[in-house]
Amino acid sequence: MLASELGKVKARKLRISVPTDEILSSIVRFQPNAFHQRRSTGSNGILDVYAWTSLSLTSSTGRSEDDHASYSSHISECNKLTELAGCIPWFVQFAERLTPVTRCRIFKLAAGGCIPCHTDDNLAKYGLARIIIPVIADNRCITIVGGEDYVMLPGEAWFLNDDHPHSVMNSSDRDRIVMCVQTFNLAKLCELL
């Protein structure tokens, strides 16, 4: 696949294997209760508190609790690996493979929670691709992209085109945890599709 063709793809599984047990044990060892509540202002100007929380794998300070939520930060210098990232050797190697990476985080979506439908326009606006790596998930965790349902399971990695409207429903009885990696290296990503 060519980088110029990515815009036509809604979501696609990468041809890699992910050691989710290693990643999960690193997260738990690091700080099992350290996820930070995500707050954002919706298009209606009202503060929304979603059922998801995050830890940063990259930030401008190198601290996991620093989450740069502004989309303008994608093009700034917020790509230092955090102390949490340093505890996950697989992530460090993956990030080096896809350099330059920018905003990389671990998200926890509470059981029964959802992320409402939205678009981020990262691919078209910034040339930035998003990769979703499930760590804890099951077939009751559905990602909807451009009206199509995707079940993203542990051990997999997925390109998600966030230019398309997308949402997540966690109908599971346990929290869903995913790594989200964003990269400008579209050519290298295409080699993995």
Protein backbone atom coordinates (compact mmCIF):
# COMPACT_ATOMS: atom_id res chain seq x y z
CA MET A 1 0.00 0.00 0.00
CA LEU A 2 1.17 3.52 -0.77
CA ALA A 3 0.99 6.34 1.78
CA SER A 4 -1.20 8.30 -0.63
CA GLU A 5 -3.82 5.52 -0.39
CA LEU A 6 -4.17 5.63 3.43
CA GLY A 7 -6.97 8.21 3.27
CA LYS A 8 -9.24 5.64 1.61
CA VAL A 9 -8.79 3.12 4.44
CA LYS A 10 -11.03 3.33 7.53
CA ALA A 11 -9.17 0.79 9.65
CA ARG A 12 -6.82 -2.08 8.91
CA LYS A 13 -4.91 -4.63 10.97
CA LEU A 14 -1.11 -4.40 10.85
CA ARG A 15 1.00 -7.47 10.10
CA ILE A 16 2.76 -7.54 13.46
CA SER A 17 2.43 -9.44 16.71
CA VAL A 18 2.16 -7.56 19.99
CA PRO A 19 3.32 -9.02 23.36
CA THR A 20 0.30 -7.80 25.35
CA ASP A 21 1.23 -9.74 28.52
CA GLU A 22 4.58 -7.91 28.66
CA ILE A 23 2.89 -4.55 28.09
CA LEU A 24 0.19 -5.16 30.68
CA SER A 25 2.61 -6.32 33.36
CA SER A 26 4.73 -3.20 32.74
CA ILE A 27 1.69 -0.94 33.15
CA VAL A 28 0.65 -2.67 36.37
CA ARG A 29 4.21 -2.54 37.78
CA PHE A 30 4.53 1.12 36.88
CA GLN A 31 1.44 2.59 38.57
CA PRO A 32 -1.75 0.55 38.46
CA ASN A 33 -3.98 3.45 39.54
CA ALA A 34 -2.21 6.27 37.75
CA PHE A 35 -4.60 6.83 34.84
CA HIS A 36 -5.70 10.46 34.55
CA GLN A 37 -9.29 11.50 33.81
CA ARG A 38 -9.77 12.93 30.34
CA ARG A 39 -11.69 16.17 30.14
CA SER A 40 -12.44 18.11 27.01
CA THR A 41 -14.76 20.79 25.76
CA GLY A 42 -17.19 19.46 23.20
CA SER A 43 -18.30 21.33 20.10
CA ASN A 44 -21.24 22.63 22.13
CA GLY A 45 -18.82 24.40 24.50
CA ILE A 46 -19.81 22.19 27.44
CA LEU A 47 -17.13 20.37 29.41
CA ASP A 48 -17.48 16.64 28.76
CA VAL A 49 -16.04 14.05 31.14
CA TYR A 50 -15.66 10.78 29.29
CA ALA A 51 -15.41 7.34 30.81
CA TRP A 52 -11.79 7.09 29.71
CA THR A 53 -8.49 7.97 31.28
CA SER A 54 -4.93 8.06 29.98
CA LEU A 55 -1.22 7.80 30.67
CA SER A 56 1.34 9.33 28.31
CA LEU A 57 4.08 7.32 26.67
CA THR A 58 5.49 10.51 25.12
CA SER A 59 5.32 14.08 26.40
CA SER A 60 7.30 17.30 26.23
CA THR A 61 8.53 16.77 29.81
CA GLY A 62 9.06 13.00 29.75
CA ARG A 63 6.46 12.57 32.53
CA SER A 64 3.60 10.08 32.12
CA GLU A 65 1.05 12.34 33.78
CA ASP A 66 1.59 15.09 31.20
CA ASP A 67 -1.05 14.67 28.52
CA HIS A 68 -1.07 17.36 25.88
CA ALA A 69 -4.71 17.31 24.83
CA SER A 70 -4.50 20.18 22.36
CA TYR A 71 -4.36 18.92 18.79
CA SER A 72 -1.97 21.73 17.94
CA SER A 73 0.57 19.86 20.08
CA HIS A 74 0.89 17.19 17.37
CA ILE A 75 3.32 19.36 15.47
CA SER A 76 5.32 20.55 18.48
CA GLU A 77 8.15 18.91 20.38
CA CYS A 78 6.16 16.49 22.54
CA ASN A 79 8.03 13.33 21.68
CA LYS A 80 10.23 12.54 24.68
CA LEU A 81 9.68 9.02 25.97
CA THR A 82 8.15 8.98 29.45
CA GLU A 83 9.29 6.84 32.36
CA LEU A 84 6.38 4.47 31.64
CA ALA A 85 7.49 4.05 28.02
CA GLY A 86 10.94 3.13 29.29
CA CYS A 87 9.34 0.22 31.21
CA ILE A 88 7.93 -1.24 27.98
CA PRO A 89 10.84 -2.38 25.77
CA TRP A 90 8.51 -3.49 22.96
CA PHE A 91 6.99 0.00 22.75
CA VAL A 92 10.43 1.65 22.64
CA GLN A 93 11.46 -0.59 19.70
CA PHE A 94 8.13 -0.03 17.94
CA ALA A 95 8.38 3.75 18.38
CA GLU A 96 11.95 3.72 17.02
CA ARG A 97 10.74 1.72 14.02
CA LEU A 98 8.04 4.34 13.30
CA THR A 99 10.07 7.45 14.11
CA PRO A 100 9.00 10.19 14.21
CA VAL A 101 6.22 9.44 16.68
CA THR A 102 4.41 12.20 18.53
CA ARG A 103 1.54 11.79 20.95
CA CYS A 104 1.55 8.22 22.28
CA ARG A 105 -0.68 7.24 25.17
CA ILE A 106 -2.32 4.34 26.97
CA PHE A 107 -6.08 4.71 27.30
CA LYS A 108 -8.38 2.96 29.73
CA LEU A 109 -12.08 2.96 28.79
CA ALA A 110 -14.23 1.89 31.72
CA ALA A 111 -16.47 -1.17 31.44
CA GLY A 112 -19.77 -0.01 29.98
CA GLY A 113 -18.19 3.26 28.79
CA CYS A 114 -18.08 4.84 25.38
CA ILE A 115 -16.16 7.45 23.47
CA PRO A 116 -18.74 9.45 21.48
CA CYS A 117 -18.54 9.73 17.71
CA HIS A 118 -16.04 12.36 16.57
CA THR A 119 -13.36 13.06 13.96
CA ASP A 120 -9.81 14.21 14.59
CA ASP A 121 -8.64 14.94 11.01
CA ASN A 122 -5.03 14.09 11.82
CA LEU A 123 -4.22 12.29 8.58
CA ALA A 124 -5.53 14.96 6.22
CA LYS A 125 -4.49 17.97 8.29
CA TYR A 126 -1.13 16.90 9.70
CA GLY A 127 -0.10 13.74 7.79
CA LEU A 128 -0.30 11.92 11.12
CA ALA A 129 -1.44 8.30 11.37
CA ARG A 130 -2.96 6.64 14.46
CA ILE A 131 -2.22 3.06 15.50
CA ILE A 132 -4.39 1.33 18.10
CA ILE A 133 -2.83 -1.54 20.06
CA PRO A 134 -5.33 -3.37 22.33
CA VAL A 135 -3.87 -4.63 25.61
CA ILE A 136 -7.13 -5.62 27.34
CA ALA A 137 -10.22 -5.98 25.15
CA ASP A 138 -12.70 -8.59 24.02
CA ASN A 139 -15.33 -9.02 21.31
CA ARG A 140 -17.70 -6.74 23.26
CA CYS A 141 -15.36 -3.78 22.68
CA ILE A 142 -16.41 -2.32 19.35
CA THR A 143 -14.65 0.46 17.46
CA ILE A 144 -16.89 2.07 14.85
CA VAL A 145 -15.12 3.87 12.00
CA GLY A 146 -17.06 5.44 9.16
CA GLY A 147 -20.12 3.35 10.02
CA GLU A 148 -18.25 0.01 10.06
CA ASP A 149 -17.71 -2.08 13.22
CA TYR A 150 -14.24 -3.37 14.10
CA VAL A 151 -13.27 -5.74 16.92
CA MET A 152 -9.67 -4.99 17.87
CA LEU A 153 -8.21 -7.69 20.12
CA PRO A 154 -5.07 -8.09 22.26
CA GLY A 155 -2.05 -9.20 20.25
CA GLU A 156 -3.11 -7.04 17.31
CA ALA A 157 -2.23 -3.54 16.12
CA TRP A 158 -4.54 -1.47 13.92
CA PHE A 159 -4.24 1.60 11.72
CA LEU A 160 -7.29 3.78 12.45
CA ASN A 161 -8.01 6.63 10.06
CA ASP A 162 -9.30 9.26 12.48
CA ASP A 163 -10.36 11.51 9.59
CA HIS A 164 -13.46 9.28 9.48
CA PRO A 165 -16.12 9.63 12.21
CA HIS A 166 -15.24 7.10 14.90
CA SER A 167 -16.41 6.00 18.33
CA VAL A 168 -15.80 3.18 20.80
CA MET A 169 -18.33 1.16 22.79
CA ASN A 170 -17.08 -0.98 25.65
CA SER A 171 -19.98 -3.32 26.43
CA SER A 172 -17.59 -5.62 28.28
CA ASP A 173 -17.68 -6.16 32.04
CA ARG A 174 -14.03 -5.10 32.31
CA ASP A 175 -12.03 -2.03 31.38
CA ARG A 176 -10.58 -1.78 27.88
CA ILE A 177 -6.91 -0.74 27.72
CA VAL A 178 -5.22 0.24 24.46
CA MET A 179 -2.00 1.90 23.41
CA CYS A 180 -2.43 4.71 20.91
CA VAL A 181 0.66 5.53 18.83
CA GLN A 182 0.73 8.44 16.41
CA THR A 183 3.38 8.68 13.70
CA PHE A 184 4.35 10.87 10.78
CA ASN A 185 6.18 7.93 9.17
CA LEU A 186 3.42 6.92 6.75
CA ALA A 187 5.81 5.00 4.47
CA LYS A 188 6.94 2.72 7.33
CA LEU A 189 3.33 2.25 8.48
CA CYS A 190 2.32 1.19 4.97
CA GLU A 191 5.02 -1.51 5.06
CA LEU A 192 3.19 -3.01 8.06
CA LEU A 193 -0.27 -3.04 6.43
